[in-house]
């Protein structure tokens, strides 16, 4: 059910394999965004660092200002396809030289209307291999939501990136800020993906009664890590509405019934039944 009927929004998750050729990745991304648009999508989400994921030196070299080539490219693509576009993420070089993993949101007229800097950095050791995003990136400082005000249903969309999935606080806050749909550009590793990817996407959707559009990379990336694929759209009940395979560049679309979601929030009011006065961070937290 497309947003043109006033009660929902049609969304699309693009799945891509990152390669060392950023221009080629952007070309494939543009084709898949256009395919999602031709299928009636109102909102299209690209994967995390879909054109710039690599080893640290390569990402430092690929860094650009917020209003640089990637934003110009994505602005033009949103305008040409007429969709709201979450252009995955790119390596942003901010004032002072700090690098951020930044996810930009564009309106159908090409305006950059919001950008989110990844808050939770992937500093982990999995299967004996250490990953330290903090060696490259600085952490963002908070949640970002934006209302898609050109659509009849006017849903509010929250922005997150990949590893954020393991931190329910961020998703709950975005829900409380009004988000009914959350975008999740990702490069989720295959090492944990089969066990955790679907589980986490569905959990974040259910606990805050909102839909997630999770666009993942697949295959081996230039940094040597294999990504899980299986991009998906999940509704507020936790139902997987659309899902890509583990391999292959593709796009999946689904309809989010926002009226049904609002009714679910009334019947199962986990957001309304919170008790903030009873929640206390442990000493030194919060």
Protein backbone atom coordinates (compact mmCIF):
# COMPACT_ATOMS: atom_id res chain seq x y z
CA UNK A 1 0.00 0.00 0.00
CA UNK A 2 1.72 3.15 -1.18
CA UNK A 3 1.65 6.43 0.71
CA UNK A 4 -0.50 7.86 -2.07
CA UNK A 5 -3.45 6.23 -0.27
CA UNK A 6 -2.72 8.20 2.86
CA UNK A 7 -2.38 5.36 5.35
CA UNK A 8 0.99 3.86 4.58
CA UNK A 9 4.39 4.14 3.01
CA UNK A 10 6.11 1.91 0.48
CA UNK A 11 9.77 1.35 1.31
CA UNK A 12 12.72 -0.27 -0.43
CA UNK A 13 15.97 -1.72 0.90
CA UNK A 14 18.87 -1.87 -1.54
CA UNK A 15 21.48 -4.61 -1.18
CA UNK A 16 24.95 -4.13 -2.70
CA UNK A 17 28.46 -5.55 -2.59
CA UNK A 18 31.07 -2.85 -2.05
CA UNK A 19 34.04 -2.96 -4.41
CA UNK A 20 37.24 -0.89 -4.63
CA UNK A 21 35.64 1.04 -7.52
CA UNK A 22 33.42 3.61 -5.81
CA UNK A 23 32.11 5.00 -9.10
CA UNK A 24 30.95 1.53 -10.16
CA UNK A 25 29.23 1.04 -6.78
CA UNK A 26 27.41 4.34 -7.14
CA UNK A 27 26.35 3.33 -10.65
CA UNK A 28 24.86 0.05 -9.41
CA UNK A 29 23.25 1.88 -6.49
CA UNK A 30 21.60 4.35 -8.85
CA UNK A 31 20.16 1.51 -10.94
CA UNK A 32 18.68 -0.18 -7.89
CA UNK A 33 17.27 3.04 -6.44
CA UNK A 34 15.59 3.65 -9.80
CA UNK A 35 14.22 0.10 -9.70
CA UNK A 36 12.78 0.71 -6.24
CA UNK A 37 11.25 3.97 -7.43
CA UNK A 38 9.69 2.24 -10.44
CA UNK A 39 8.13 -0.25 -8.00
CA UNK A 40 6.41 2.66 -6.26
CA UNK A 41 8.76 3.12 -3.31
CA UNK A 42 8.37 6.37 -1.41
CA UNK A 43 11.52 5.80 0.68
CA UNK A 44 14.66 3.97 -0.49
CA UNK A 45 17.56 3.01 1.79
CA UNK A 46 21.11 2.17 0.61
CA UNK A 47 23.66 0.14 2.63
CA UNK A 48 26.32 1.52 4.96
CA UNK A 49 29.51 2.76 3.24
CA UNK A 50 28.27 1.13 0.01
CA UNK A 51 30.85 2.99 -2.12
CA UNK A 52 33.66 3.61 0.36
CA UNK A 53 34.08 0.66 2.74
CA UNK A 54 37.71 -0.42 2.86
CA UNK A 55 40.76 -0.61 5.05
CA UNK A 56 41.51 2.44 7.15
CA UNK A 57 43.89 4.13 4.69
CA UNK A 58 41.38 3.80 1.87
CA UNK A 59 38.55 5.28 3.93
CA UNK A 60 40.71 8.18 5.08
CA UNK A 61 41.51 8.87 1.44
CA UNK A 62 37.82 8.65 0.50
CA UNK A 63 36.75 11.15 3.18
CA UNK A 64 34.91 14.24 1.97
CA UNK A 65 33.01 17.18 3.46
CA UNK A 66 29.30 16.91 4.16
CA UNK A 67 28.42 18.87 1.04
CA UNK A 68 30.87 16.99 -1.15
CA UNK A 69 30.63 14.60 -4.12
CA UNK A 70 28.55 11.91 -2.41
CA UNK A 71 25.90 14.36 -1.26
CA UNK A 72 25.84 15.98 -4.71
CA UNK A 73 25.43 12.56 -6.34
CA UNK A 74 22.70 11.45 -3.94
CA UNK A 75 20.87 14.76 -4.21
CA UNK A 76 20.74 14.40 -7.97
CA UNK A 77 19.60 10.75 -7.67
CA UNK A 78 16.77 11.61 -5.26
CA UNK A 79 15.62 14.39 -7.57
CA UNK A 80 15.76 12.19 -10.69
CA UNK A 81 13.86 9.29 -9.09
CA UNK A 82 11.48 11.38 -6.98
CA UNK A 83 12.00 9.37 -3.78
CA UNK A 84 13.01 10.08 -0.24
CA UNK A 85 16.52 8.63 -0.16
CA UNK A 86 18.68 7.47 2.73
CA UNK A 87 21.99 7.36 0.87
CA UNK A 88 23.48 4.65 3.07
CA UNK A 89 26.50 6.28 4.62
CA UNK A 90 29.81 7.77 3.56
CA UNK A 91 33.06 8.90 5.18
CA UNK A 92 32.52 12.52 6.21
CA UNK A 93 35.47 14.77 7.04
CA UNK A 94 34.14 17.39 9.44
CA UNK A 95 35.64 20.64 10.66
CA UNK A 96 38.81 19.91 12.59
CA UNK A 97 39.57 16.85 10.47
CA UNK A 98 37.49 14.33 12.41
CA UNK A 99 35.92 11.55 10.34
CA UNK A 100 32.35 10.37 10.80
CA UNK A 101 30.33 7.50 9.35
CA UNK A 102 27.48 9.72 8.15
CA UNK A 103 24.06 8.74 6.84
CA UNK A 104 22.29 11.49 4.83
CA UNK A 105 18.57 11.79 4.08
CA UNK A 106 17.32 13.56 0.93
CA UNK A 107 13.88 14.83 -0.02
CA UNK A 108 12.44 14.05 -3.47
CA UNK A 109 13.49 17.50 -4.67
CA UNK A 110 17.11 16.70 -3.83
CA UNK A 111 17.39 18.71 -0.60
CA UNK A 112 19.64 17.30 2.12
CA UNK A 113 17.16 17.47 5.00
CA UNK A 114 18.96 15.52 7.73
CA UNK A 115 22.16 13.63 8.43
CA UNK A 116 23.05 11.20 11.19
CA UNK A 117 26.55 10.41 12.39
CA UNK A 118 26.89 6.81 13.58
CA UNK A 119 26.84 6.80 17.37
CA UNK A 120 27.99 3.26 18.18
CA UNK A 121 31.36 2.30 16.70
CA UNK A 122 32.15 -1.33 15.86
CA UNK A 123 35.04 -2.05 18.24
CA UNK A 124 34.79 -5.83 18.65
CA UNK A 125 36.66 -9.11 18.25
CA UNK A 126 34.78 -11.84 16.36
CA UNK A 127 36.26 -15.22 15.40
CA UNK A 128 39.68 -13.95 16.48
CA UNK A 129 39.56 -10.93 14.17
CA UNK A 130 39.59 -7.48 15.77
CA UNK A 131 37.65 -4.57 14.29
CA UNK A 132 38.14 -1.04 15.61
CA UNK A 133 36.02 1.55 13.88
CA UNK A 134 37.13 4.08 16.48
CA UNK A 135 40.60 3.99 14.90
CA UNK A 136 39.00 5.70 11.90
CA UNK A 137 35.79 7.36 13.02
CA UNK A 138 34.62 9.67 15.77
CA UNK A 139 31.24 8.84 17.32
CA UNK A 140 28.15 10.89 16.57
CA UNK A 141 26.39 12.61 19.42
CA UNK A 142 22.73 11.66 19.23
CA UNK A 143 19.57 10.45 17.47
CA UNK A 144 18.13 12.03 14.34
CA UNK A 145 14.54 11.82 13.06
CA UNK A 146 12.82 13.62 10.21
CA UNK A 147 9.23 13.75 8.94
CA UNK A 148 8.67 12.84 5.28
CA UNK A 149 6.33 15.77 4.86
CA UNK A 150 5.64 15.40 1.14
CA UNK A 151 3.84 12.08 1.70
CA UNK A 152 0.12 11.94 2.60
CA UNK A 153 0.86 9.72 5.64
CA UNK A 154 3.80 11.98 6.65
CA UNK A 155 5.71 9.29 8.55
CA UNK A 156 8.64 10.29 10.72
CA UNK A 157 11.80 8.33 9.92
CA UNK A 158 14.64 7.62 12.31
CA UNK A 159 18.23 7.27 11.13
CA UNK A 160 20.64 4.61 12.46
CA UNK A 161 23.61 2.64 11.09
CA UNK A 162 24.51 -1.07 11.40
CA UNK A 163 26.09 -1.73 14.85
CA UNK A 164 23.50 0.62 16.34
CA UNK A 165 21.15 -2.40 16.12
CA UNK A 166 22.73 -3.77 19.30
CA UNK A 167 21.75 -0.69 21.31
CA UNK A 168 17.98 -0.58 21.90
CA UNK A 169 18.20 2.76 23.71
CA UNK A 170 18.75 4.60 20.43
CA UNK A 171 15.72 3.02 18.76
CA UNK A 172 13.49 3.62 21.75
CA UNK A 173 14.48 7.30 21.86
CA UNK A 174 13.79 7.70 18.14
CA UNK A 175 10.37 6.08 18.65
CA UNK A 176 9.67 8.56 21.46
CA UNK A 177 10.74 11.37 19.13
CA UNK A 178 7.98 10.24 16.77
CA UNK A 179 9.65 7.73 14.44
CA UNK A 180 7.32 5.13 12.96
CA UNK A 181 9.94 3.84 10.49
CA UNK A 182 13.69 3.51 11.08
CA UNK A 183 16.34 3.16 8.37
CA UNK A 184 19.25 0.80 9.03
CA UNK A 185 22.02 1.04 6.42
CA UNK A 186 24.44 -1.77 7.32
CA UNK A 187 27.54 -3.75 6.50
CA UNK A 188 26.66 -6.50 8.97
CA UNK A 189 29.27 -9.22 9.10
CA UNK A 190 28.53 -12.79 8.04
CA UNK A 191 30.32 -13.99 11.17
CA UNK A 192 27.44 -12.77 13.32
CA UNK A 193 24.75 -12.19 10.72
CA UNK A 194 23.24 -15.66 10.55
CA UNK A 195 22.73 -15.70 14.30
CA UNK A 196 21.89 -12.07 15.02
CA UNK A 197 20.89 -9.98 11.98
CA UNK A 198 17.22 -10.96 11.64
CA UNK A 199 16.89 -11.38 15.41
CA UNK A 200 18.09 -7.83 16.11
CA UNK A 201 16.11 -6.18 13.30
CA UNK A 202 12.89 -7.87 14.44
CA UNK A 203 13.56 -7.17 18.12
CA UNK A 204 14.12 -3.45 17.54
CA UNK A 205 10.87 -3.34 15.54
CA UNK A 206 8.77 -5.20 18.12
CA UNK A 207 9.99 -3.51 21.29
CA UNK A 208 9.28 0.01 19.99
CA UNK A 209 6.32 -0.89 17.72
CA UNK A 210 7.83 0.50 14.54
CA UNK A 211 8.99 -0.68 11.13
CA UNK A 212 12.64 -1.12 10.11
CA UNK A 213 14.13 -0.87 6.63
CA UNK A 214 17.46 -2.70 6.88
CA UNK A 215 19.72 -2.41 3.81
CA UNK A 216 22.83 -4.58 4.10
CA UNK A 217 25.99 -5.15 2.12
CA UNK A 218 26.75 -8.68 0.97
CA UNK A 219 29.91 -10.62 0.06
CA UNK A 220 33.55 -9.82 0.71
CA UNK A 221 34.26 -6.10 0.96
CA UNK A 222 37.56 -4.36 0.21
CA UNK A 223 38.40 -4.47 3.94
CA UNK A 224 38.47 -8.27 3.74
CA UNK A 225 35.32 -8.80 5.81
CA UNK A 226 32.45 -10.84 4.40
CA UNK A 227 29.03 -9.24 4.89
CA UNK A 228 25.78 -11.06 5.51
CA UNK A 229 23.29 -9.69 3.00
CA UNK A 230 19.64 -10.57 3.61
CA UNK A 231 18.43 -6.99 3.47
CA UNK A 232 14.89 -6.84 4.83
CA UNK A 233 11.82 -4.85 5.72
CA UNK A 234 10.16 -5.71 9.04
CA UNK A 235 6.89 -4.32 10.36
CA UNK A 236 5.98 -3.34 13.92
CA UNK A 237 4.65 -6.84 14.69
CA UNK A 238 8.05 -8.26 13.77
CA UNK A 239 6.87 -9.79 10.51
CA UNK A 240 9.47 -9.93 7.75
CA UNK A 241 7.59 -8.30 4.86
CA UNK A 242 10.42 -8.58 2.31
CA UNK A 243 13.85 -10.17 2.36
CA UNK A 244 16.79 -10.45 -0.03
CA UNK A 245 19.02 -13.53 -0.30
CA UNK A 246 22.49 -13.63 1.27
CA UNK A 247 24.13 -12.92 -2.07
CA UNK A 248 23.48 -10.57 -4.96
CA UNK A 249 22.87 -6.92 -5.73
CA UNK A 250 19.12 -6.39 -5.49
CA UNK A 251 16.32 -4.30 -4.04
CA UNK A 252 13.33 -5.47 -2.00
CA UNK A 253 10.15 -3.43 -1.47
CA UNK A 254 7.26 -3.65 0.96
CA UNK A 255 4.30 -1.63 2.18
CA UNK A 256 4.16 -0.37 5.76
CA UNK A 257 0.57 0.08 6.97
CA UNK A 258 0.95 3.01 9.34
CA UNK A 259 -2.71 2.97 10.37
CA UNK A 260 -2.40 -0.65 11.49
CA UNK A 261 0.82 0.26 13.29
CA UNK A 262 -0.92 3.08 15.18
CA UNK A 263 -3.73 0.71 16.15
CA UNK A 264 -1.15 -1.81 17.37
CA UNK A 265 0.42 0.86 19.57
CA UNK A 266 -3.01 1.39 21.13
CA UNK A 267 -3.73 -2.31 21.67
CA UNK A 268 -0.22 -3.20 22.87
CA UNK A 269 0.97 0.10 24.35
CA UNK A 270 4.53 -0.73 25.38
CA UNK A 271 5.59 2.85 24.66
CA UNK A 272 2.77 4.34 26.71
CA UNK A 273 3.31 1.86 29.55
CA UNK A 274 6.91 2.81 30.17
CA UNK A 275 7.80 4.03 33.71
CA UNK A 276 10.68 6.48 33.25
CA UNK A 277 10.68 7.43 36.94
CA UNK A 278 11.57 3.82 37.81
CA UNK A 279 14.53 3.62 35.46
CA UNK A 280 17.87 4.47 37.01
CA UNK A 281 21.24 4.17 35.34
CA UNK A 282 23.89 2.32 37.37
CA UNK A 283 26.45 4.57 39.09
CA UNK A 284 28.60 6.28 36.50
CA UNK A 285 26.12 5.68 33.68
CA UNK A 286 23.65 8.00 32.01
